[in-house]
Amino acid sequence: MESPDPAAPEPVPGADGIEAELLRFLARHTGREWTIDADVFGPGGLSSLFAMELVVYLERTYDIAIRGADLRMDNFRTVVRMAELVDRLRQSALGGPGA
């Protein structure tokens, strides 16, 4: 059995799964643990350059397109907000609520 590529994790269904995966991604790329409501771009947090890496990661991992107004920094401040964005964009793509 082949082990999954850690650089390309399988998306986990549901917001809780998204939050857990985002926490793992942040820990791997920053060397520190985060909480789901921590402001990742606040004092002592991540650089705005890392925001672009987050956008690419979210788009590739969850097969979504983040464009226009969705690129606001507020959508990336916390793991909760990122998971909500992913969930909303996935629902829109499927023609679900908010589409």
PDB file of N, CA and C in Angstrom:
ATOM      1  N   MET A   1       0.846  -1.183   0.000  1.00  0.00           N
ATOM      2  CA  MET A   1       0.000   0.000   0.000  1.00  0.00           C
ATOM      3  C   MET A   1       0.886   1.239   0.000  1.00  0.00           C
ATOM      4  N   GLU A   2       0.598   2.134  -0.886  1.00  0.00           N
ATOM      5  CA  GLU A   2       1.388   3.348  -1.034  1.00  0.00           C
ATOM      6  C   GLU A   2       0.903   4.408  -0.059  1.00  0.00           C
ATOM      7  N   SER A   3       1.840   5.077   0.617  1.00  0.00           N
ATOM      8  CA  SER A   3       1.442   6.121   1.566  1.00  0.00           C
ATOM      9  C   SER A   3       1.127   7.399   0.809  1.00  0.00           C
ATOM     10  N   PRO A   4       0.161   8.181   1.304  1.00  0.00           N
ATOM     11  CA  PRO A   4      -0.212   9.417   0.624  1.00  0.00           C
ATOM     12  C   PRO A   4       0.913  10.434   0.674  1.00  0.00           C
ATOM     13  N   ASP A   5       0.956  11.282  -0.335  1.00  0.00           N
ATOM     14  CA  ASP A   5       1.933  12.357  -0.429  1.00  0.00           C
ATOM     15  C   ASP A   5       1.568  13.434   0.585  1.00  0.00           C
ATOM     16  N   PRO A   6       2.450  13.731   1.582  1.00  0.00           N
ATOM     17  CA  PRO A   6       2.105  14.723   2.605  1.00  0.00           C
ATOM     18  C   PRO A   6       1.947  16.127   2.045  1.00  0.00           C
ATOM     19  N   ALA A   7       2.519  16.395   0.871  1.00  0.00           N
ATOM     20  CA  ALA A   7       2.389  17.721   0.277  1.00  0.00           C
ATOM     21  C   ALA A   7       1.016  17.910  -0.361  1.00  0.00           C
ATOM     22  N   ALA A   8       0.310  16.821  -0.632  1.00  0.00           N
ATOM     23  CA  ALA A   8      -1.005  16.909  -1.260  1.00  0.00           C
ATOM     24  C   ALA A   8      -2.002  16.062  -0.493  1.00  0.00           C
ATOM     25  N   PRO A   9      -2.429  16.533   0.688  1.00  0.00           N
ATOM     26  CA  PRO A   9      -3.329  15.734   1.519  1.00  0.00           C
ATOM     27  C   PRO A   9      -4.691  15.563   0.880  1.00  0.00           C
ATOM     28  N   GLU A  10      -5.320  14.456   1.213  1.00  0.00           N
ATOM     29  CA  GLU A  10      -6.688  14.228   0.770  1.00  0.00           C
ATOM     30  C   GLU A  10      -7.595  15.181   1.537  1.00  0.00           C
ATOM     31  N   PRO A  11      -8.467  15.891   0.848  1.00  0.00           N
ATOM     32  CA  PRO A  11      -9.401  16.757   1.563  1.00  0.00           C
ATOM     33  C   PRO A  11     -10.294  15.936   2.490  1.00  0.00           C
ATOM     34  N   VAL A  12     -10.550  16.480   3.665  1.00  0.00           N
ATOM     35  CA  VAL A  12     -11.407  15.825   4.639  1.00  0.00           C
ATOM     36  C   VAL A  12     -12.765  16.499   4.570  1.00  0.00           C
ATOM     37  N   PRO A  13     -13.860  15.739   4.398  1.00  0.00           N
ATOM     38  CA  PRO A  13     -15.171  16.367   4.283  1.00  0.00           C
ATOM     39  C   PRO A  13     -15.575  17.100   5.556  1.00  0.00           C
ATOM     40  N   GLY A  14     -16.397  18.135   5.393  1.00  0.00           N
ATOM     41  CA  GLY A  14     -16.939  18.870   6.534  1.00  0.00           C
ATOM     42  C   GLY A  14     -16.000  19.926   7.053  1.00  0.00           C
ATOM     43  N   ALA A  15     -16.566  20.951   7.680  1.00  0.00           N
ATOM     44  CA  ALA A  15     -15.769  22.067   8.189  1.00  0.00           C
ATOM     45  C   ALA A  15     -14.769  21.614   9.239  1.00  0.00           C
ATOM     46  N   ASP A  16     -15.164  20.663  10.114  1.00  0.00           N
ATOM     47  CA  ASP A  16     -14.227  20.193  11.134  1.00  0.00           C
ATOM     48  C   ASP A  16     -13.008  19.549  10.493  1.00  0.00           C
ATOM     49  N   GLY A  17     -13.222  18.783   9.436  1.00  0.00           N
ATOM     50  CA  GLY A  17     -12.117  18.157   8.718  1.00  0.00           C
ATOM     51  C   GLY A  17     -11.232  19.185   8.045  1.00  0.00           C
ATOM     52  N   ILE A  18     -11.849  20.215   7.487  1.00  0.00           N
ATOM     53  CA  ILE A  18     -11.092  21.291   6.843  1.00  0.00           C
ATOM     54  C   ILE A  18     -10.250  22.014   7.889  1.00  0.00           C
ATOM     55  N   GLU A  19     -10.850  22.320   9.027  1.00  0.00           N
ATOM     56  CA  GLU A  19     -10.110  23.002  10.091  1.00  0.00           C
ATOM     57  C   GLU A  19      -8.924  22.164  10.557  1.00  0.00           C
ATOM     58  N   ALA A  20      -9.135  20.869  10.737  1.00  0.00           N
ATOM     59  CA  ALA A  20      -8.049  19.986  11.184  1.00  0.00           C
ATOM     60  C   ALA A  20      -6.922  19.956  10.157  1.00  0.00           C
ATOM     61  N   GLU A  21      -7.272  19.865   8.886  1.00  0.00           N
ATOM     62  CA  GLU A  21      -6.244  19.841   7.842  1.00  0.00           C
ATOM     63  C   GLU A  21      -5.499  21.175   7.767  1.00  0.00           C
ATOM     64  N   LEU A  22      -6.215  22.285   7.898  1.00  0.00           N
ATOM     65  CA  LEU A  22      -5.564  23.592   7.883  1.00  0.00           C
ATOM     66  C   LEU A  22      -4.607  23.750   9.066  1.00  0.00           C
ATOM     67  N   LEU A  23      -5.006  23.261  10.228  1.00  0.00           N
ATOM     68  CA  LEU A  23      -4.112  23.311  11.389  1.00  0.00           C
ATOM     69  C   LEU A  23      -2.845  22.511  11.133  1.00  0.00           C
ATOM     70  N   ARG A  24      -2.976  21.336  10.506  1.00  0.00           N
ATOM     71  CA  ARG A  24      -1.791  20.529  10.169  1.00  0.00           C
ATOM     72  C   ARG A  24      -0.911  21.254   9.156  1.00  0.00           C
ATOM     73  N   PHE A  25      -1.532  21.854   8.137  1.00  0.00           N
ATOM     74  CA  PHE A  25      -0.786  22.601   7.121  1.00  0.00           C
ATOM     75  C   PHE A  25      -0.005  23.746   7.762  1.00  0.00           C
ATOM     76  N   LEU A  26      -0.673  24.528   8.599  1.00  0.00           N
ATOM     77  CA  LEU A  26      -0.005  25.652   9.254  1.00  0.00           C
ATOM     78  C   LEU A  26       1.136  25.180  10.149  1.00  0.00           C
ATOM     79  N   ALA A  27       0.916  24.118  10.897  1.00  0.00           N
ATOM     80  CA  ALA A  27       1.970  23.595  11.777  1.00  0.00           C
ATOM     81  C   ALA A  27       3.171  23.133  10.960  1.00  0.00           C
ATOM     82  N   ARG A  28       2.910  22.426   9.856  1.00  0.00           N
ATOM     83  CA  ARG A  28       4.010  21.949   9.001  1.00  0.00           C
ATOM     84  C   ARG A  28       4.814  23.098   8.414  1.00  0.00           C
ATOM     85  N   HIS A  29       4.129  24.161   8.017  1.00  0.00           N
ATOM     86  CA  HIS A  29       4.796  25.256   7.314  1.00  0.00           C
ATOM     87  C   HIS A  29       5.309  26.371   8.210  1.00  0.00           C
ATOM     88  N   THR A  30       4.923  26.371   9.478  1.00  0.00           N
ATOM     89  CA  THR A  30       5.387  27.435  10.367  1.00  0.00           C
ATOM     90  C   THR A  30       6.192  26.918  11.543  1.00  0.00           C
ATOM     91  N   GLY A  31       6.107  25.605  11.798  1.00  0.00           N
ATOM     92  CA  GLY A  31       6.837  25.044  12.927  1.00  0.00           C
ATOM     93  C   GLY A  31       6.216  25.366  14.277  1.00  0.00           C
ATOM     94  N   ARG A  32       4.963  25.794  14.270  1.00  0.00           N
ATOM     95  CA  ARG A  32       4.286  26.067  15.536  1.00  0.00           C
ATOM     96  C   ARG A  32       2.841  25.609  15.454  1.00  0.00           C
ATOM     97  N   GLU A  33       2.245  25.397  16.612  1.00  0.00           N
ATOM     98  CA  GLU A  33       0.852  24.966  16.686  1.00  0.00           C
ATOM     99  C   GLU A  33      -0.058  26.192  16.700  1.00  0.00           C
ATOM    100  N   TRP A  34      -1.231  26.053  16.089  1.00  0.00           N
ATOM    101  CA  TRP A  34      -2.203  27.128  16.013  1.00  0.00           C
ATOM    102  C   TRP A  34      -3.532  26.640  16.566  1.00  0.00           C
ATOM    103  N   THR A  35      -4.374  27.571  16.976  1.00  0.00           N
ATOM    104  CA  THR A  35      -5.745  27.231  17.343  1.00  0.00           C
ATOM    105  C   THR A  35      -6.645  27.688  16.203  1.00  0.00           C
ATOM    106  N   ILE A  36      -7.863  27.170  16.162  1.00  0.00           N
ATOM    107  CA  ILE A  36      -8.737  27.489  15.038  1.00  0.00           C
ATOM    108  C   ILE A  36      -9.173  28.951  15.012  1.00  0.00           C
ATOM    109  N   ASP A  37      -9.072  29.645  16.145  1.00  0.00           N
ATOM    110  CA  ASP A  37      -9.502  31.042  16.179  1.00  0.00           C
ATOM    111  C   ASP A  37      -8.350  32.040  16.348  1.00  0.00           C
ATOM    112  N   ALA A  38      -7.110  31.550  16.235  1.00  0.00           N
ATOM    113  CA  ALA A  38      -5.948  32.450  16.324  1.00  0.00           C
ATOM    114  C   ALA A  38      -5.848  33.297  15.057  1.00  0.00           C
ATOM    115  N   ASP A  39      -5.530  34.579  15.211  1.00  0.00           N
ATOM    116  CA  ASP A  39      -5.320  35.468  14.063  1.00  0.00           C
ATOM    117  C   ASP A  39      -3.935  35.163  13.493  1.00  0.00           C
ATOM    118  N   VAL A  40      -3.912  34.407  12.405  1.00  0.00           N
ATOM    119  CA  VAL A  40      -2.624  33.953  11.858  1.00  0.00           C
ATOM    120  C   VAL A  40      -1.810  35.089  11.256  1.00  0.00           C
ATOM    121  N   PHE A  41      -2.439  36.238  10.993  1.00  0.00           N
ATOM    122  CA  PHE A  41      -1.707  37.381  10.454  1.00  0.00           C
ATOM    123  C   PHE A  41      -1.561  38.513  11.471  1.00  0.00           C
ATOM    124  N   GLY A  42      -1.938  38.257  12.718  1.00  0.00           N
ATOM    125  CA  GLY A  42      -1.806  39.248  13.781  1.00  0.00           C
ATOM    126  C   GLY A  42      -0.353  39.386  14.211  1.00  0.00           C
ATOM    127  N   PRO A  43      -0.100  40.159  15.274  1.00  0.00           N
ATOM    128  CA  PRO A  43       1.257  40.339  15.777  1.00  0.00           C
ATOM    129  C   PRO A  43       1.934  38.988  16.049  1.00  0.00           C
ATOM    130  N   GLY A  44       3.130  38.825  15.518  1.00  0.00           N
ATOM    131  CA  GLY A  44       3.878  37.584  15.694  1.00  0.00           C
ATOM    132  C   GLY A  44       3.387  36.453  14.802  1.00  0.00           C
ATOM    133  N   GLY A  45       2.460  36.779  13.905  1.00  0.00           N
ATOM    134  CA  GLY A  45       1.898  35.758  13.020  1.00  0.00           C
ATOM    135  C   GLY A  45       2.620  35.694  11.685  1.00  0.00           C
ATOM    136  N   LEU A  46       1.889  35.293  10.687  1.00  0.00           N
ATOM    137  CA  LEU A  46       2.439  35.061   9.357  1.00  0.00           C
ATOM    138  C   LEU A  46       2.540  36.341   8.547  1.00  0.00           C
ATOM    139  N   SER A  47       3.390  36.307   7.536  1.00  0.00           N
ATOM    140  CA  SER A  47       3.547  37.460   6.649  1.00  0.00           C
ATOM    141  C   SER A  47       2.438  37.463   5.605  1.00  0.00           C
ATOM    142  N   SER A  48       2.214  38.618   5.005  1.00  0.00           N
ATOM    143  CA  SER A  48       1.195  38.698   3.952  1.00  0.00           C
ATOM    144  C   SER A  48       1.608  37.869   2.737  1.00  0.00           C
ATOM    145  N   LEU A  49       2.900  37.642   2.558  1.00  0.00           N
ATOM    146  CA  LEU A  49       3.351  36.772   1.463  1.00  0.00           C
ATOM    147  C   LEU A  49       2.835  35.355   1.650  1.00  0.00           C
ATOM    148  N   PHE A  50       2.735  34.917   2.893  1.00  0.00           N
ATOM    149  CA  PHE A  50       2.247  33.576   3.160  1.00  0.00           C
ATOM    150  C   PHE A  50       0.776  33.454   2.758  1.00  0.00           C
ATOM    151  N   ALA A  51       0.054  34.570   2.717  1.00  0.00           N
ATOM    152  CA  ALA A  51      -1.350  34.548   2.302  1.00  0.00           C
ATOM    153  C   ALA A  51      -1.475  33.977   0.895  1.00  0.00           C
ATOM    154  N   MET A  52      -0.549  34.318   0.019  1.00  0.00           N
ATOM    155  CA  MET A  52      -0.598  33.783  -1.341  1.00  0.00           C
ATOM    156  C   MET A  52      -0.385  32.277  -1.344  1.00  0.00           C
ATOM    157  N   GLU A  53       0.502  31.798  -0.509  1.00  0.00           N
ATOM    158  CA  GLU A  53       0.712  30.358  -0.396  1.00  0.00           C
ATOM    159  C   GLU A  53      -0.562  29.675   0.116  1.00  0.00           C
ATOM    160  N   LEU A  54      -1.227  30.310   1.062  1.00  0.00           N
ATOM    161  CA  LEU A  54      -2.492  29.780   1.577  1.00  0.00           C
ATOM    162  C   LEU A  54      -3.550  29.692   0.477  1.00  0.00           C
ATOM    163  N   VAL A  55      -3.658  30.740  -0.330  1.00  0.00           N
ATOM    164  CA  VAL A  55      -4.638  30.752  -1.421  1.00  0.00           C
ATOM    165  C   VAL A  55      -4.379  29.582  -2.364  1.00  0.00           C
ATOM    166  N   VAL A  56      -3.136  29.412  -2.774  1.00  0.00           N
ATOM    167  CA  VAL A  56      -2.778  28.318  -3.689  1.00  0.00           C
ATOM    168  C   VAL A  56      -3.075  26.969  -3.036  1.00  0.00           C
ATOM    169  N   TYR A  57      -2.712  26.811  -1.787  1.00  0.00           N
ATOM    170  CA  TYR A  57      -2.963  25.567  -1.067  1.00  0.00           C
ATOM    171  C   TYR A  57      -4.459  25.251  -1.014  1.00  0.00           C
ATOM    172  N   LEU A  58      -5.268  26.234  -0.630  1.00  0.00           N
ATOM    173  CA  LEU A  58      -6.710  26.014  -0.527  1.00  0.00           C
ATOM    174  C   LEU A  58      -7.318  25.667  -1.884  1.00  0.00           C
ATOM    175  N   GLU A  59      -6.908  26.392  -2.922  1.00  0.00           N
ATOM    176  CA  GLU A  59      -7.449  26.123  -4.257  1.00  0.00           C
ATOM    177  C   GLU A  59      -7.102  24.716  -4.732  1.00  0.00           C
ATOM    178  N   ARG A  60      -5.866  24.317  -4.556  1.00  0.00           N
ATOM    179  CA  ARG A  60      -5.440  22.989  -5.025  1.00  0.00           C
ATOM    180  C   ARG A  60      -6.007  21.865  -4.176  1.00  0.00           C
ATOM    181  N   THR A  61      -5.997  22.035  -2.876  1.00  0.00           N
ATOM    182  CA  THR A  61      -6.439  20.970  -1.979  1.00  0.00           C
ATOM    183  C   THR A  61      -7.939  20.739  -2.058  1.00  0.00           C
ATOM    184  N   TYR A  62      -8.711  21.814  -2.161  1.00  0.00           N
ATOM    185  CA  TYR A  62     -10.164  21.695  -2.095  1.00  0.00           C
ATOM    186  C   TYR A  62     -10.848  21.948  -3.433  1.00  0.00           C
ATOM    187  N   ASP A  63     -10.059  22.065  -4.507  1.00  0.00           N
ATOM    188  CA  ASP A  63     -10.583  22.219  -5.861  1.00  0.00           C
ATOM    189  C   ASP A  63     -11.595  23.364  -5.940  1.00  0.00           C
ATOM    190  N   ILE A  64     -11.145  24.533  -5.471  1.00  0.00           N
ATOM    191  CA  ILE A  64     -11.967  25.735  -5.492  1.00  0.00           C
ATOM    192  C   ILE A  64     -11.192  26.834  -6.191  1.00  0.00           C
ATOM    193  N   ALA A  65     -11.881  27.893  -6.577  1.00  0.00           N
ATOM    194  CA  ALA A  65     -11.250  29.085  -7.146  1.00  0.00           C
ATOM    195  C   ALA A  65     -11.587  30.258  -6.233  1.00  0.00           C
ATOM    196  N   ILE A  66     -10.551  30.908  -5.721  1.00  0.00           N
ATOM    197  CA  ILE A  66     -10.748  32.054  -4.833  1.00  0.00           C
ATOM    198  C   ILE A  66     -10.451  33.298  -5.650  1.00  0.00           C
ATOM    199  N   ARG A  67     -11.474  34.078  -5.909  1.00  0.00           N
ATOM    200  CA  ARG A  67     -11.351  35.240  -6.784  1.00  0.00           C
ATOM    201  C   ARG A  67     -12.050  36.454  -6.180  1.00  0.00           C
ATOM    202  N   GLY A  68     -11.749  37.617  -6.753  1.00  0.00           N
ATOM    203  CA  GLY A  68     -12.461  38.848  -6.435  1.00  0.00           C
ATOM    204  C   GLY A  68     -12.556  39.150  -4.954  1.00  0.00           C
ATOM    205  N   ALA A  69     -13.773  39.407  -4.503  1.00  0.00           N
ATOM    206  CA  ALA A  69     -14.019  39.806  -3.115  1.00  0.00           C
ATOM    207  C   ALA A  69     -13.610  38.728  -2.120  1.00  0.00           C
ATOM    208  N   ASP A  70     -13.545  37.468  -2.556  1.00  0.00           N
ATOM    209  CA  ASP A  70     -13.143  36.392  -1.651  1.00  0.00           C
ATOM    210  C   ASP A  70     -11.664  36.457  -1.274  1.00  0.00           C
ATOM    211  N   LEU A  71     -10.883  37.265  -1.968  1.00  0.00           N
ATOM    212  CA  LEU A  71      -9.454  37.396  -1.665  1.00  0.00           C
ATOM    213  C   LEU A  71      -9.166  38.369  -0.524  1.00  0.00           C
ATOM    214  N   ARG A  72     -10.206  38.858   0.144  1.00  0.00           N
ATOM    215  CA  ARG A  72      -9.998  39.753   1.295  1.00  0.00           C
ATOM    216  C   ARG A  72      -9.230  39.036   2.400  1.00  0.00           C
ATOM    217  N   MET A  73      -8.320  39.735   3.037  1.00  0.00           N
ATOM    218  CA  MET A  73      -7.508  39.165   4.115  1.00  0.00           C
ATOM    219  C   MET A  73      -8.381  38.618   5.245  1.00  0.00           C
ATOM    220  N   ASP A  74      -9.540  39.231   5.474  1.00  0.00           N
ATOM    221  CA  ASP A  74     -10.427  38.750   6.540  1.00  0.00           C
ATOM    222  C   ASP A  74     -10.825  37.287   6.355  1.00  0.00           C
ATOM    223  N   ASN A  75     -10.889  36.811   5.116  1.00  0.00           N
ATOM    224  CA  ASN A  75     -11.235  35.411   4.861  1.00  0.00           C
ATOM    225  C   ASN A  75     -10.122  34.444   5.250  1.00  0.00           C
ATOM    226  N   PHE A  76      -8.934  34.976   5.552  1.00  0.00           N
ATOM    227  CA  PHE A  76      -7.774  34.136   5.844  1.00  0.00           C
ATOM    228  C   PHE A  76      -7.214  34.374   7.247  1.00  0.00           C
ATOM    229  N   ARG A  77      -7.866  35.212   8.035  1.00  0.00           N
ATOM    230  CA  ARG A  77      -7.368  35.578   9.371  1.00  0.00           C
ATOM    231  C   ARG A  77      -7.265  34.401  10.315  1.00  0.00           C
ATOM    232  N   THR A  78      -8.271  33.531  10.297  1.00  0.00           N
ATOM    233  CA  THR A  78      -8.295  32.396  11.217  1.00  0.00           C
ATOM    234  C   THR A  78      -8.616  31.118  10.449  1.00  0.00           C
ATOM    235  N   VAL A  79      -8.311  30.001  11.057  1.00  0.00           N
ATOM    236  CA  VAL A  79      -8.629  28.710  10.458  1.00  0.00           C
ATOM    237  C   VAL A  79     -10.142  28.583  10.286  1.00  0.00           C
ATOM    238  N   VAL A  80     -10.913  29.082  11.244  1.00  0.00           N
ATOM    239  CA  VAL A  80     -12.373  29.034  11.145  1.00  0.00           C
ATOM    240  C   VAL A  80     -12.838  29.767   9.887  1.00  0.00           C
ATOM    241  N   ARG A  81     -12.313  30.964   9.652  1.00  0.00           N
ATOM    242  CA  ARG A  81     -12.732  31.750   8.486  1.00  0.00           C
ATOM    243  C   ARG A  81     -12.308  31.091   7.183  1.00  0.00           C
ATOM    244  N   MET A  82     -11.111  30.495   7.160  1.00  0.00           N
ATOM    245  CA  MET A  82     -10.670  29.794   5.952  1.00  0.00           C
ATOM    246  C   MET A  82     -11.567  28.594   5.665  1.00  0.00           C
ATOM    247  N   ALA A  83     -11.926  27.850   6.697  1.00  0.00           N
ATOM    248  CA  ALA A  83     -12.800  26.681   6.522  1.00  0.00           C
ATOM    249  C   ALA A  83     -14.183  27.114   6.041  1.00  0.00           C
ATOM    250  N   GLU A  84     -14.681  28.219   6.574  1.00  0.00           N
ATOM    251  CA  GLU A  84     -15.979  28.741   6.128  1.00  0.00           C
ATOM    252  C   GLU A  84     -15.919  29.141   4.655  1.00  0.00           C
ATOM    253  N   LEU A  85     -14.829  29.777   4.248  1.00  0.00           N
ATOM    254  CA  LEU A  85     -14.649  30.175   2.852  1.00  0.00           C
ATOM    255  C   LEU A  85     -14.629  28.943   1.952  1.00  0.00           C
ATOM    256  N   VAL A  86     -13.846  27.944   2.321  1.00  0.00           N
ATOM    257  CA  VAL A  86     -13.764  26.711   1.528  1.00  0.00           C
ATOM    258  C   VAL A  86     -15.146  26.071   1.423  1.00  0.00           C
ATOM    259  N   ASP A  87     -15.831  25.956   2.537  1.00  0.00           N
ATOM    260  CA  ASP A  87     -17.149  25.326   2.547  1.00  0.00           C
ATOM    261  C   ASP A  87     -18.117  26.096   1.654  1.00  0.00           C
ATOM    262  N   ARG A  88     -18.123  27.407   1.767  1.00  0.00           N
ATOM    263  CA  ARG A  88     -19.026  28.238   0.956  1.00  0.00           C
ATOM    264  C   ARG A  88     -18.728  28.091  -0.528  1.00  0.00           C
ATOM    265  N   LEU A  89     -17.441  28.129  -0.896  1.00  0.00           N
ATOM    266  CA  LEU A  89     -17.077  28.026  -2.305  1.00  0.00           C
ATOM    267  C   LEU A  89     -17.370  26.634  -2.866  1.00  0.00           C
ATOM    268  N   ARG A  90     -17.189  25.615  -2.051  1.00  0.00           N
ATOM    269  CA  ARG A  90     -17.526  24.257  -2.498  1.00  0.00           C
ATOM    270  C   ARG A  90     -19.031  24.120  -2.690  1.00  0.00           C
ATOM    271  N   GLN A  91     -19.825  24.684  -1.788  1.00  0.00           N
ATOM    272  CA  GLN A  91     -21.289  24.638  -1.911  1.00  0.00           C
ATOM    273  C   GLN A  91     -21.731  25.390  -3.165  1.00  0.00           C
ATOM    274  N   SER A  92     -21.126  26.548  -3.420  1.00  0.00           N
ATOM    275  CA  SER A  92     -21.473  27.331  -4.611  1.00  0.00           C
ATOM    276  C   SER A  92     -21.153  26.550  -5.878  1.00  0.00           C
ATOM    277  N   ALA A  93     -20.025  25.882  -5.891  1.00  0.00           N
ATOM    278  CA  ALA A  93     -19.614  25.099  -7.063  1.00  0.00           C
ATOM    279  C   ALA A  93     -20.579  23.951  -7.319  1.00  0.00           C
ATOM    280  N   LEU A  94     -21.166  23.430  -6.261  1.00  0.00           N
ATOM    281  CA  LEU A  94     -22.099  22.305  -6.384  1.00  0.00           C
ATOM    282  C   LEU A  94     -23.539  22.769  -6.579  1.00  0.00           C
ATOM    283  N   GLY A  95     -23.731  24.100  -6.588  1.00  0.00           N
ATOM    284  CA  GLY A  95     -25.072  24.627  -6.742  1.00  0.00           C
ATOM    285  C   GLY A  95     -25.891  24.568  -5.474  1.00  0.00           C
ATOM    286  N   GLY A  96     -25.176  24.460  -4.332  1.00  0.00           N
ATOM    287  CA  GLY A  96     -25.849  24.351  -3.037  1.00  0.00           C
ATOM    288  C   GLY A  96     -26.241  25.706  -2.492  1.00  0.00           C
ATOM    289  N   PRO A  97     -26.539  25.757  -1.191  1.00  0.00           N
ATOM    290  CA  PRO A  97     -26.935  27.019  -0.545  1.00  0.00           C
ATOM    291  C   PRO A  97     -25.889  28.102  -0.768  1.00  0.00           C
ATOM    292  N   GLY A  98     -26.322  29.279  -1.090  1.00  0.00           N
ATOM    293  CA  GLY A  98     -25.419  30.394  -1.312  1.00  0.00           C
ATOM    294  C   GLY A  98     -24.910  30.457  -2.744  1.00  0.00           C
ATOM    295  N   ALA A  99     -25.340  29.521  -3.591  1.00  0.00           N
ATOM    296  CA  ALA A  99     -24.881  29.495  -4.983  1.00  0.00           C
ATOM    297  C   ALA A  99     -25.519  30.597  -5.785  1.00  0.00           C
TER     298      ALA A  99
END
